[in-house]
Amino acid sequence: MLPEVLLATVPLEHVLILGAILFAIGLYLALSKRNAIGVLMGIELMLNAVNVTLLAFSRYVVSPRPLDGQVFAIFVITVAAGEAAVALALAVAIYRHRETVNIDEIDVLRW
């Protein structure tokens, strides 16, 4: 565990900038990739960026309930795990049927 002095030296703005950069990278990946796995990786990166900002606000903003950020981060992690499981199962099923995971070539409504 890091000492309390080291944790307090990083300002809130730096952590929020890190979260914004991670979110922007994830958004770029989700919108620019043609591969379904790449899109899923971008979505996961965006969810992790949200977790970083939730934990930063939980750490630096004084509230009557100090564990709210951690509880929300746990919810986001469980939603991300469920999303990843369902999306990868869909990707495997589509690959077995279409033999591609390229989003441009997948037109599921016309099987």
C-alpha atoms as a PDB file:
ATOM      1  CA  MET A   1       0.000   0.000   0.000  1.00  0.00           C
ATOM      2  CA  LEU A   2       1.259   3.485  -0.777  1.00  0.00           C
ATOM      3  CA  PRO A   3       1.710   5.915   2.063  1.00  0.00           C
ATOM      4  CA  GLU A   4      -0.924   8.629   2.451  1.00  0.00           C
ATOM      5  CA  VAL A   5       1.606  11.328   1.508  1.00  0.00           C
ATOM      6  CA  LEU A   6       2.188   9.817  -1.950  1.00  0.00           C
ATOM      7  CA  LEU A   7      -1.515   9.440  -2.653  1.00  0.00           C
ATOM      8  CA  ALA A   8      -2.239  13.087  -1.917  1.00  0.00           C
ATOM      9  CA  THR A   9       0.491  14.433  -4.222  1.00  0.00           C
ATOM     10  CA  VAL A  10      -1.331  13.744  -7.501  1.00  0.00           C
ATOM     11  CA  PRO A  11      -3.861  16.520  -8.130  1.00  0.00           C
ATOM     12  CA  LEU A  12      -7.416  15.764  -9.183  1.00  0.00           C
ATOM     13  CA  GLU A  13      -6.957  17.516 -12.529  1.00  0.00           C
ATOM     14  CA  HIS A  14      -4.212  15.105 -13.586  1.00  0.00           C
ATOM     15  CA  VAL A  15      -6.343  12.075 -12.829  1.00  0.00           C
ATOM     16  CA  LEU A  16      -9.293  13.569 -14.718  1.00  0.00           C
ATOM     17  CA  ILE A  17      -7.073  14.343 -17.707  1.00  0.00           C
ATOM     18  CA  LEU A  18      -5.878  10.724 -17.658  1.00  0.00           C
ATOM     19  CA  GLY A  19      -9.503   9.528 -17.601  1.00  0.00           C
ATOM     20  CA  ALA A  20     -10.407  11.851 -20.475  1.00  0.00           C
ATOM     21  CA  ILE A  21      -7.454  10.664 -22.568  1.00  0.00           C
ATOM     22  CA  LEU A  22      -8.342   7.019 -21.941  1.00  0.00           C
ATOM     23  CA  PHE A  23     -11.972   7.703 -22.849  1.00  0.00           C
ATOM     24  CA  ALA A  24     -10.952   9.497 -26.054  1.00  0.00           C
ATOM     25  CA  ILE A  25      -8.686   6.612 -27.076  1.00  0.00           C
ATOM     26  CA  GLY A  26     -11.484   4.125 -26.367  1.00  0.00           C
ATOM     27  CA  LEU A  27     -13.989   6.192 -28.348  1.00  0.00           C
ATOM     28  CA  TYR A  28     -11.583   6.385 -31.276  1.00  0.00           C
ATOM     29  CA  LEU A  29     -11.077   2.613 -31.183  1.00  0.00           C
ATOM     30  CA  ALA A  30     -14.804   1.911 -30.962  1.00  0.00           C
ATOM     31  CA  LEU A  31     -15.636   4.177 -33.894  1.00  0.00           C
ATOM     32  CA  SER A  32     -12.713   3.460 -36.198  1.00  0.00           C
ATOM     33  CA  LYS A  33     -12.180  -0.295 -36.006  1.00  0.00           C
ATOM     34  CA  ARG A  34     -13.867  -2.645 -38.431  1.00  0.00           C
ATOM     35  CA  ASN A  35     -13.090  -5.691 -36.336  1.00  0.00           C
ATOM     36  CA  ALA A  36     -15.670  -6.570 -33.677  1.00  0.00           C
ATOM     37  CA  ILE A  37     -12.969  -7.456 -31.148  1.00  0.00           C
ATOM     38  CA  GLY A  38     -11.345  -4.031 -31.617  1.00  0.00           C
ATOM     39  CA  VAL A  39     -14.687  -2.321 -31.029  1.00  0.00           C
ATOM     40  CA  LEU A  40     -15.160  -4.340 -27.845  1.00  0.00           C
ATOM     41  CA  MET A  41     -11.690  -3.347 -26.664  1.00  0.00           C
ATOM     42  CA  GLY A  42     -12.571   0.316 -27.223  1.00  0.00           C
ATOM     43  CA  ILE A  43     -15.771  -0.032 -25.216  1.00  0.00           C
ATOM     44  CA  GLU A  44     -13.893  -1.717 -22.372  1.00  0.00           C
ATOM     45  CA  LEU A  45     -11.327   1.083 -22.394  1.00  0.00           C
ATOM     46  CA  MET A  46     -14.102   3.672 -22.150  1.00  0.00           C
ATOM     47  CA  LEU A  47     -15.641   1.844 -19.200  1.00  0.00           C
ATOM     48  CA  ASN A  48     -12.276   1.727 -17.458  1.00  0.00           C
ATOM     49  CA  ALA A  49     -11.829   5.458 -18.043  1.00  0.00           C
ATOM     50  CA  VAL A  50     -15.155   6.016 -16.313  1.00  0.00           C
ATOM     51  CA  ASN A  51     -13.903   3.899 -13.416  1.00  0.00           C
ATOM     52  CA  VAL A  52     -10.777   6.063 -13.129  1.00  0.00           C
ATOM     53  CA  THR A  53     -12.844   9.241 -12.912  1.00  0.00           C
ATOM     54  CA  LEU A  54     -15.310   7.715 -10.440  1.00  0.00           C
ATOM     55  CA  LEU A  55     -12.493   6.663  -8.151  1.00  0.00           C
ATOM     56  CA  ALA A  56     -10.763  10.027  -8.511  1.00  0.00           C
ATOM     57  CA  PHE A  57     -13.884  11.887  -7.465  1.00  0.00           C
ATOM     58  CA  SER A  58     -14.429   9.430  -4.650  1.00  0.00           C
ATOM     59  CA  ARG A  59     -10.885  10.050  -3.414  1.00  0.00           C
ATOM     60  CA  TYR A  60     -10.710  13.830  -3.757  1.00  0.00           C
ATOM     61  CA  VAL A  61     -14.265  15.089  -3.213  1.00  0.00           C
ATOM     62  CA  VAL A  62     -15.453  15.099   0.366  1.00  0.00           C
ATOM     63  CA  SER A  63     -18.913  13.569   0.698  1.00  0.00           C
ATOM     64  CA  PRO A  64     -20.981  12.212   3.570  1.00  0.00           C
ATOM     65  CA  ARG A  65     -20.709   8.722   2.038  1.00  0.00           C
ATOM     66  CA  PRO A  66     -17.037   8.225   1.111  1.00  0.00           C
ATOM     67  CA  LEU A  67     -17.459   4.812  -0.557  1.00  0.00           C
ATOM     68  CA  ASP A  68     -19.909   5.862  -3.274  1.00  0.00           C
ATOM     69  CA  GLY A  69     -17.226   5.997  -5.985  1.00  0.00           C
ATOM     70  CA  GLN A  70     -15.921   2.542  -5.156  1.00  0.00           C
ATOM     71  CA  VAL A  71     -19.424   1.063  -5.144  1.00  0.00           C
ATOM     72  CA  PHE A  72     -20.217   2.591  -8.536  1.00  0.00           C
ATOM     73  CA  ALA A  73     -16.869   1.339  -9.892  1.00  0.00           C
ATOM     74  CA  ILE A  74     -17.726  -2.202  -8.760  1.00  0.00           C
ATOM     75  CA  PHE A  75     -21.071  -1.922 -10.589  1.00  0.00           C
ATOM     76  CA  VAL A  76     -19.311  -0.708 -13.741  1.00  0.00           C
ATOM     77  CA  ILE A  77     -16.829  -3.591 -13.534  1.00  0.00           C
ATOM     78  CA  THR A  78     -19.640  -6.150 -13.242  1.00  0.00           C
ATOM     79  CA  VAL A  79     -21.511  -4.595 -16.171  1.00  0.00           C
ATOM     80  CA  ALA A  80     -18.296  -4.612 -18.225  1.00  0.00           C
ATOM     81  CA  ALA A  81     -17.712  -8.280 -17.423  1.00  0.00           C
ATOM     82  CA  GLY A  82     -21.247  -9.188 -18.476  1.00  0.00           C
ATOM     83  CA  GLU A  83     -20.967  -7.094 -21.615  1.00  0.00           C
ATOM     84  CA  ALA A  84     -17.684  -8.737 -22.546  1.00  0.00           C
ATOM     85  CA  ALA A  85     -19.069 -12.241 -21.999  1.00  0.00           C
ATOM     86  CA  VAL A  86     -22.202 -11.654 -24.069  1.00  0.00           C
ATOM     87  CA  ALA A  87     -20.386  -9.762 -26.821  1.00  0.00           C
ATOM     88  CA  LEU A  88     -17.666 -12.379 -27.181  1.00  0.00           C
ATOM     89  CA  ALA A  89     -20.276 -15.142 -27.284  1.00  0.00           C
ATOM     90  CA  LEU A  90     -22.068 -13.246 -30.064  1.00  0.00           C
ATOM     91  CA  ALA A  91     -18.789 -12.729 -31.905  1.00  0.00           C
ATOM     92  CA  VAL A  92     -18.004 -16.456 -31.739  1.00  0.00           C
ATOM     93  CA  ALA A  93     -21.505 -17.357 -32.944  1.00  0.00           C
ATOM     94  CA  ILE A  94     -21.308 -14.898 -35.836  1.00  0.00           C
ATOM     95  CA  TYR A  95     -17.830 -16.127 -36.742  1.00  0.00           C
ATOM     96  CA  ARG A  96     -19.053 -19.712 -36.853  1.00  0.00           C
ATOM     97  CA  HIS A  97     -21.902 -18.768 -39.159  1.00  0.00           C
ATOM     98  CA  ARG A  98     -20.293 -16.053 -41.331  1.00  0.00           C
ATOM     99  CA  GLU A  99     -16.580 -16.901 -40.869  1.00  0.00           C
ATOM    100  CA  THR A 100     -15.740 -13.237 -40.298  1.00  0.00           C
ATOM    101  CA  VAL A 101     -15.846 -10.716 -37.465  1.00  0.00           C
ATOM    102  CA  ASN A 102     -15.546  -7.726 -39.784  1.00  0.00           C
ATOM    103  CA  ILE A 103     -18.408  -5.409 -38.872  1.00  0.00           C
ATOM    104  CA  ASP A 104     -18.877  -4.194 -42.463  1.00  0.00           C
ATOM    105  CA  GLU A 105     -19.517  -7.746 -43.679  1.00  0.00           C
ATOM    106  CA  ILE A 106     -21.962  -8.710 -40.934  1.00  0.00           C
ATOM    107  CA  ASP A 107     -25.571  -8.158 -41.904  1.00  0.00           C
ATOM    108  CA  VAL A 108     -27.294 -10.293 -39.313  1.00  0.00           C
ATOM    109  CA  LEU A 109     -30.823  -9.511 -40.469  1.00  0.00           C
ATOM    110  CA  ARG A 110     -30.247 -11.260 -43.810  1.00  0.00           C
ATOM    111  CA  TRP A 111     -29.132 -14.748 -42.796  1.00  0.00           C
END
